[in-house]
Amino acid sequence: MVETSEPVRTCVGCRQRAPASDLLRVVVRSGALVPDPRRRLPGRGASVHPTPECLHAAERRRAFTRALRLPGGSGPLEVGPLRAHVLGSSPEQPGARAGTGE
């Protein structure tokens, strides 16, 4: 019997190694960081835990620019689509339930 092992990736936020299925793949499209949960978008990707803590750590350390091998002078990346995806999927974030009728 052949065992197939799942790929292991490193979170750019906390630098912890984890199975690829536990991490969110992120790619750059038109200067914006875009989540790629199905892992199908073309181009170089970076992996991050889908938590506000890891996202904040990656932003603070400018890890996406390095991991995606973007030129340093390319300007700031738009994090809005990624932040909306992460905060929308984490109910423990304060204020995340605002407007849901709860």
N, C-alpha and C. Protein backbone atom coordinates (compact mmCIF):
# COMPACT_ATOMS: atom_id res chain seq x y z
N MET A 1 0.84 -1.17 0.00
CA MET A 1 0.00 0.00 0.00
C MET A 1 0.89 1.24 0.00
N VAL A 2 0.58 2.20 -0.83
CA VAL A 2 1.36 3.42 -0.94
C VAL A 2 0.66 4.53 -0.17
N GLU A 3 1.43 5.16 0.71
CA GLU A 3 0.88 6.29 1.46
C GLU A 3 1.18 7.57 0.71
N THR A 4 0.17 8.40 0.57
CA THR A 4 0.40 9.70 -0.04
C THR A 4 0.42 10.73 1.07
N SER A 5 1.51 11.45 1.17
CA SER A 5 1.60 12.46 2.22
C SER A 5 1.12 13.81 1.69
N GLU A 6 0.52 14.55 2.57
CA GLU A 6 0.01 15.86 2.20
C GLU A 6 1.16 16.86 2.24
N PRO A 7 1.19 17.81 1.30
CA PRO A 7 2.25 18.81 1.32
C PRO A 7 2.23 19.65 2.59
N VAL A 8 3.41 20.04 3.03
CA VAL A 8 3.55 20.87 4.21
C VAL A 8 4.05 22.24 3.76
N ARG A 9 3.44 23.30 4.29
CA ARG A 9 3.80 24.67 3.95
C ARG A 9 4.08 25.43 5.24
N THR A 10 4.72 26.58 5.12
CA THR A 10 5.01 27.43 6.27
C THR A 10 4.14 28.66 6.21
N CYS A 11 3.48 28.97 7.31
CA CYS A 11 2.65 30.17 7.41
C CYS A 11 3.58 31.39 7.41
N VAL A 12 3.30 32.36 6.55
CA VAL A 12 4.14 33.56 6.49
C VAL A 12 3.90 34.48 7.69
N GLY A 13 2.84 34.24 8.45
CA GLY A 13 2.56 35.05 9.63
C GLY A 13 3.27 34.56 10.87
N CYS A 14 3.02 33.33 11.26
CA CYS A 14 3.58 32.78 12.50
C CYS A 14 4.81 31.91 12.27
N ARG A 15 5.13 31.61 11.00
CA ARG A 15 6.29 30.81 10.61
C ARG A 15 6.21 29.36 11.09
N GLN A 16 5.01 28.88 11.40
CA GLN A 16 4.82 27.50 11.80
C GLN A 16 4.53 26.65 10.57
N ARG A 17 5.08 25.44 10.53
CA ARG A 17 4.80 24.52 9.43
C ARG A 17 3.48 23.81 9.71
N ALA A 18 2.68 23.64 8.65
CA ALA A 18 1.37 23.01 8.80
C ALA A 18 1.00 22.35 7.48
N PRO A 19 0.09 21.38 7.51
CA PRO A 19 -0.38 20.79 6.25
C PRO A 19 -1.02 21.88 5.38
N ALA A 20 -0.84 21.77 4.09
CA ALA A 20 -1.35 22.78 3.16
C ALA A 20 -2.86 22.97 3.30
N SER A 21 -3.57 21.93 3.69
CA SER A 21 -5.03 22.05 3.82
C SER A 21 -5.44 22.94 5.00
N ASP A 22 -4.53 23.16 5.97
CA ASP A 22 -4.83 24.01 7.12
C ASP A 22 -4.53 25.48 6.84
N LEU A 23 -3.86 25.76 5.73
CA LEU A 23 -3.44 27.11 5.41
C LEU A 23 -4.23 27.66 4.23
N LEU A 24 -4.29 28.97 4.14
CA LEU A 24 -4.96 29.65 3.04
C LEU A 24 -3.90 30.12 2.06
N ARG A 25 -4.05 29.77 0.79
CA ARG A 25 -3.12 30.22 -0.24
C ARG A 25 -3.53 31.63 -0.66
N VAL A 26 -2.53 32.50 -0.85
CA VAL A 26 -2.76 33.89 -1.21
C VAL A 26 -1.93 34.19 -2.45
N VAL A 27 -2.53 34.87 -3.43
CA VAL A 27 -1.82 35.28 -4.65
C VAL A 27 -2.06 36.77 -4.86
N VAL A 28 -1.27 37.38 -5.74
CA VAL A 28 -1.44 38.80 -6.06
C VAL A 28 -2.14 38.92 -7.40
N ARG A 29 -3.19 39.72 -7.44
CA ARG A 29 -3.92 40.03 -8.67
C ARG A 29 -4.14 41.53 -8.72
N SER A 30 -3.58 42.19 -9.70
CA SER A 30 -3.72 43.65 -9.89
C SER A 30 -3.34 44.44 -8.64
N GLY A 31 -2.27 44.06 -7.99
CA GLY A 31 -1.79 44.79 -6.82
C GLY A 31 -2.53 44.50 -5.54
N ALA A 32 -3.42 43.50 -5.53
CA ALA A 32 -4.18 43.16 -4.33
C ALA A 32 -3.91 41.72 -3.93
N LEU A 33 -3.84 41.48 -2.64
CA LEU A 33 -3.71 40.11 -2.13
C LEU A 33 -5.09 39.46 -2.18
N VAL A 34 -5.18 38.34 -2.88
CA VAL A 34 -6.45 37.68 -3.10
C VAL A 34 -6.38 36.27 -2.52
N PRO A 35 -7.38 35.87 -1.71
CA PRO A 35 -7.40 34.50 -1.19
C PRO A 35 -7.67 33.50 -2.31
N ASP A 36 -7.04 32.35 -2.22
CA ASP A 36 -7.21 31.28 -3.20
C ASP A 36 -7.51 29.98 -2.45
N PRO A 37 -8.71 29.87 -1.85
CA PRO A 37 -9.02 28.69 -1.04
C PRO A 37 -9.02 27.38 -1.83
N ARG A 38 -9.31 27.44 -3.13
CA ARG A 38 -9.31 26.20 -3.93
C ARG A 38 -7.92 25.87 -4.48
N ARG A 39 -6.96 26.78 -4.26
CA ARG A 39 -5.57 26.57 -4.68
C ARG A 39 -5.47 26.36 -6.19
N ARG A 40 -6.20 27.16 -6.96
CA ARG A 40 -6.25 26.99 -8.41
C ARG A 40 -5.73 28.18 -9.20
N LEU A 41 -5.61 29.36 -8.59
CA LEU A 41 -5.18 30.54 -9.33
C LEU A 41 -3.72 30.41 -9.75
N PRO A 42 -3.39 30.91 -10.93
CA PRO A 42 -2.00 30.80 -11.40
C PRO A 42 -1.08 31.77 -10.67
N GLY A 43 0.19 31.48 -10.72
CA GLY A 43 1.19 32.37 -10.14
C GLY A 43 1.71 31.87 -8.82
N ARG A 44 2.71 32.57 -8.35
CA ARG A 44 3.33 32.22 -7.08
C ARG A 44 2.37 32.53 -5.94
N GLY A 45 2.33 31.66 -4.97
CA GLY A 45 1.44 31.85 -3.84
C GLY A 45 2.18 31.86 -2.52
N ALA A 46 1.55 32.41 -1.51
CA ALA A 46 2.05 32.39 -0.14
C ALA A 46 0.97 31.75 0.71
N SER A 47 1.37 31.11 1.79
CA SER A 47 0.41 30.44 2.66
C SER A 47 0.35 31.13 4.02
N VAL A 48 -0.85 31.25 4.54
CA VAL A 48 -1.06 31.87 5.84
C VAL A 48 -2.22 31.17 6.53
N HIS A 49 -2.12 31.04 7.87
CA HIS A 49 -3.27 30.52 8.61
C HIS A 49 -4.42 31.52 8.46
N PRO A 50 -5.64 31.06 8.26
CA PRO A 50 -6.76 31.99 8.08
C PRO A 50 -7.26 32.57 9.40
N THR A 51 -6.33 33.17 10.15
CA THR A 51 -6.67 33.79 11.43
C THR A 51 -6.23 35.25 11.41
N PRO A 52 -6.93 36.12 12.13
CA PRO A 52 -6.53 37.53 12.18
C PRO A 52 -5.11 37.72 12.73
N GLU A 53 -4.71 36.87 13.67
CA GLU A 53 -3.38 37.01 14.27
C GLU A 53 -2.27 36.78 13.25
N CYS A 54 -2.39 35.72 12.48
CA CYS A 54 -1.36 35.41 11.48
C CYS A 54 -1.38 36.44 10.34
N LEU A 55 -2.55 36.89 9.95
CA LEU A 55 -2.64 37.90 8.91
C LEU A 55 -1.97 39.19 9.37
N HIS A 56 -2.24 39.61 10.60
CA HIS A 56 -1.64 40.83 11.14
C HIS A 56 -0.12 40.69 11.23
N ALA A 57 0.35 39.53 11.70
CA ALA A 57 1.80 39.31 11.81
C ALA A 57 2.47 39.36 10.43
N ALA A 58 1.83 38.77 9.44
CA ALA A 58 2.39 38.78 8.08
C ALA A 58 2.43 40.20 7.52
N GLU A 59 1.38 40.98 7.76
CA GLU A 59 1.36 42.37 7.29
C GLU A 59 2.44 43.19 7.99
N ARG A 60 2.56 43.02 9.29
CA ARG A 60 3.52 43.79 10.07
C ARG A 60 4.96 43.50 9.62
N ARG A 61 5.25 42.24 9.30
CA ARG A 61 6.59 41.83 8.89
C ARG A 61 6.83 42.00 7.40
N ARG A 62 5.81 42.45 6.66
CA ARG A 62 5.90 42.58 5.19
C ARG A 62 6.28 41.24 4.56
N ALA A 63 5.73 40.17 5.09
CA ALA A 63 6.08 38.83 4.65
C ALA A 63 5.52 38.49 3.28
N PHE A 64 4.39 39.07 2.90
CA PHE A 64 3.80 38.73 1.60
C PHE A 64 4.70 39.20 0.46
N THR A 65 5.28 40.38 0.60
CA THR A 65 6.16 40.91 -0.44
C THR A 65 7.34 39.97 -0.66
N ARG A 66 7.92 39.48 0.44
CA ARG A 66 9.07 38.56 0.33
C ARG A 66 8.64 37.20 -0.20
N ALA A 67 7.57 36.64 0.37
CA ALA A 67 7.16 35.29 -0.01
C ALA A 67 6.71 35.22 -1.47
N LEU A 68 6.11 36.29 -1.95
CA LEU A 68 5.62 36.31 -3.33
C LEU A 68 6.68 36.84 -4.30
N ARG A 69 7.86 37.18 -3.74
CA ARG A 69 8.99 37.67 -4.53
C ARG A 69 8.63 38.88 -5.38
N LEU A 70 7.98 39.82 -4.74
CA LEU A 70 7.61 41.06 -5.43
C LEU A 70 8.73 42.07 -5.28
N PRO A 71 8.93 42.93 -6.27
CA PRO A 71 9.95 43.97 -6.14
C PRO A 71 9.62 44.90 -4.98
N GLY A 72 10.64 45.32 -4.23
CA GLY A 72 10.43 46.16 -3.05
C GLY A 72 9.78 47.49 -3.35
N GLY A 73 10.05 48.06 -4.51
CA GLY A 73 9.51 49.36 -4.84
C GLY A 73 8.16 49.31 -5.54
N SER A 74 7.49 48.15 -5.50
CA SER A 74 6.22 48.01 -6.22
C SER A 74 5.06 48.71 -5.52
N GLY A 75 5.32 49.27 -4.34
CA GLY A 75 4.26 49.96 -3.62
C GLY A 75 3.53 49.01 -2.68
N PRO A 76 2.67 49.55 -1.84
CA PRO A 76 1.94 48.71 -0.89
C PRO A 76 0.91 47.83 -1.58
N LEU A 77 0.72 46.67 -1.02
CA LEU A 77 -0.28 45.75 -1.55
C LEU A 77 -1.63 46.04 -0.89
N GLU A 78 -2.70 45.91 -1.65
CA GLU A 78 -4.05 46.07 -1.13
C GLU A 78 -4.42 44.77 -0.42
N VAL A 79 -4.70 44.85 0.88
CA VAL A 79 -4.98 43.66 1.68
C VAL A 79 -6.47 43.47 1.91
N GLY A 80 -7.29 44.39 1.42
CA GLY A 80 -8.74 44.37 1.67
C GLY A 80 -9.43 43.06 1.35
N PRO A 81 -9.27 42.49 0.13
CA PRO A 81 -9.97 41.23 -0.17
C PRO A 81 -9.55 40.08 0.74
N LEU A 82 -8.27 40.02 1.06
CA LEU A 82 -7.78 38.96 1.95
C LEU A 82 -8.31 39.16 3.36
N ARG A 83 -8.24 40.40 3.85
CA ARG A 83 -8.72 40.70 5.21
C ARG A 83 -10.21 40.39 5.34
N ALA A 84 -10.99 40.74 4.32
CA ALA A 84 -12.43 40.45 4.36
C ALA A 84 -12.69 38.95 4.41
N HIS A 85 -11.91 38.19 3.67
CA HIS A 85 -12.07 36.73 3.66
C HIS A 85 -11.73 36.15 5.03
N VAL A 86 -10.59 36.57 5.60
CA VAL A 86 -10.15 36.03 6.89
C VAL A 86 -11.09 36.44 8.01
N LEU A 87 -11.45 37.71 8.08
CA LEU A 87 -12.33 38.17 9.16
C LEU A 87 -13.73 37.63 9.00
N GLY A 88 -14.16 37.38 7.78
CA GLY A 88 -15.47 36.80 7.56
C GLY A 88 -15.55 35.35 7.98
N SER A 89 -14.40 34.67 8.04
CA SER A 89 -14.41 33.25 8.40
C SER A 89 -13.95 33.01 9.83
N SER A 90 -13.77 34.08 10.64
CA SER A 90 -13.34 33.88 12.02
C SER A 90 -14.32 34.53 12.98
N PRO A 91 -15.26 33.76 13.53
CA PRO A 91 -16.29 34.32 14.40
C PRO A 91 -15.74 34.84 15.72
N GLU A 92 -14.52 34.47 16.15
CA GLU A 92 -13.99 34.93 17.42
C GLU A 92 -13.49 36.37 17.35
N GLN A 93 -13.38 36.94 16.15
CA GLN A 93 -12.92 38.32 15.99
C GLN A 93 -13.98 39.28 16.52
N PRO A 94 -13.61 40.20 17.41
CA PRO A 94 -14.60 41.15 17.91
C PRO A 94 -15.20 41.97 16.78
N GLY A 95 -16.49 42.09 16.79
CA GLY A 95 -17.18 42.87 15.77
C GLY A 95 -17.45 42.12 14.50
N ALA A 96 -17.01 40.86 14.38
CA ALA A 96 -17.19 40.10 13.16
C ALA A 96 -18.66 39.75 12.94
N ARG A 97 -19.43 39.69 14.06
CA ARG A 97 -20.83 39.33 13.94
C ARG A 97 -21.72 40.55 13.77
N ALA A 98 -21.14 41.72 13.73
CA ALA A 98 -21.94 42.93 13.57
C ALA A 98 -22.71 42.90 12.27
N GLY A 99 -23.96 43.18 12.35
CA GLY A 99 -24.79 43.21 11.15
C GLY A 99 -25.38 41.89 10.76
N THR A 100 -25.17 40.85 11.59
CA THR A 100 -25.72 39.54 11.26
C THR A 100 -27.03 39.27 11.99
N GLY A 101 -27.46 40.25 12.82
CA GLY A 101 -28.70 40.08 13.52
C GLY A 101 -28.56 39.37 14.83
N GLU A 102 -27.32 39.13 15.28
CA GLU A 102 -27.10 38.46 16.56
C GLU A 102 -26.90 39.46 17.67
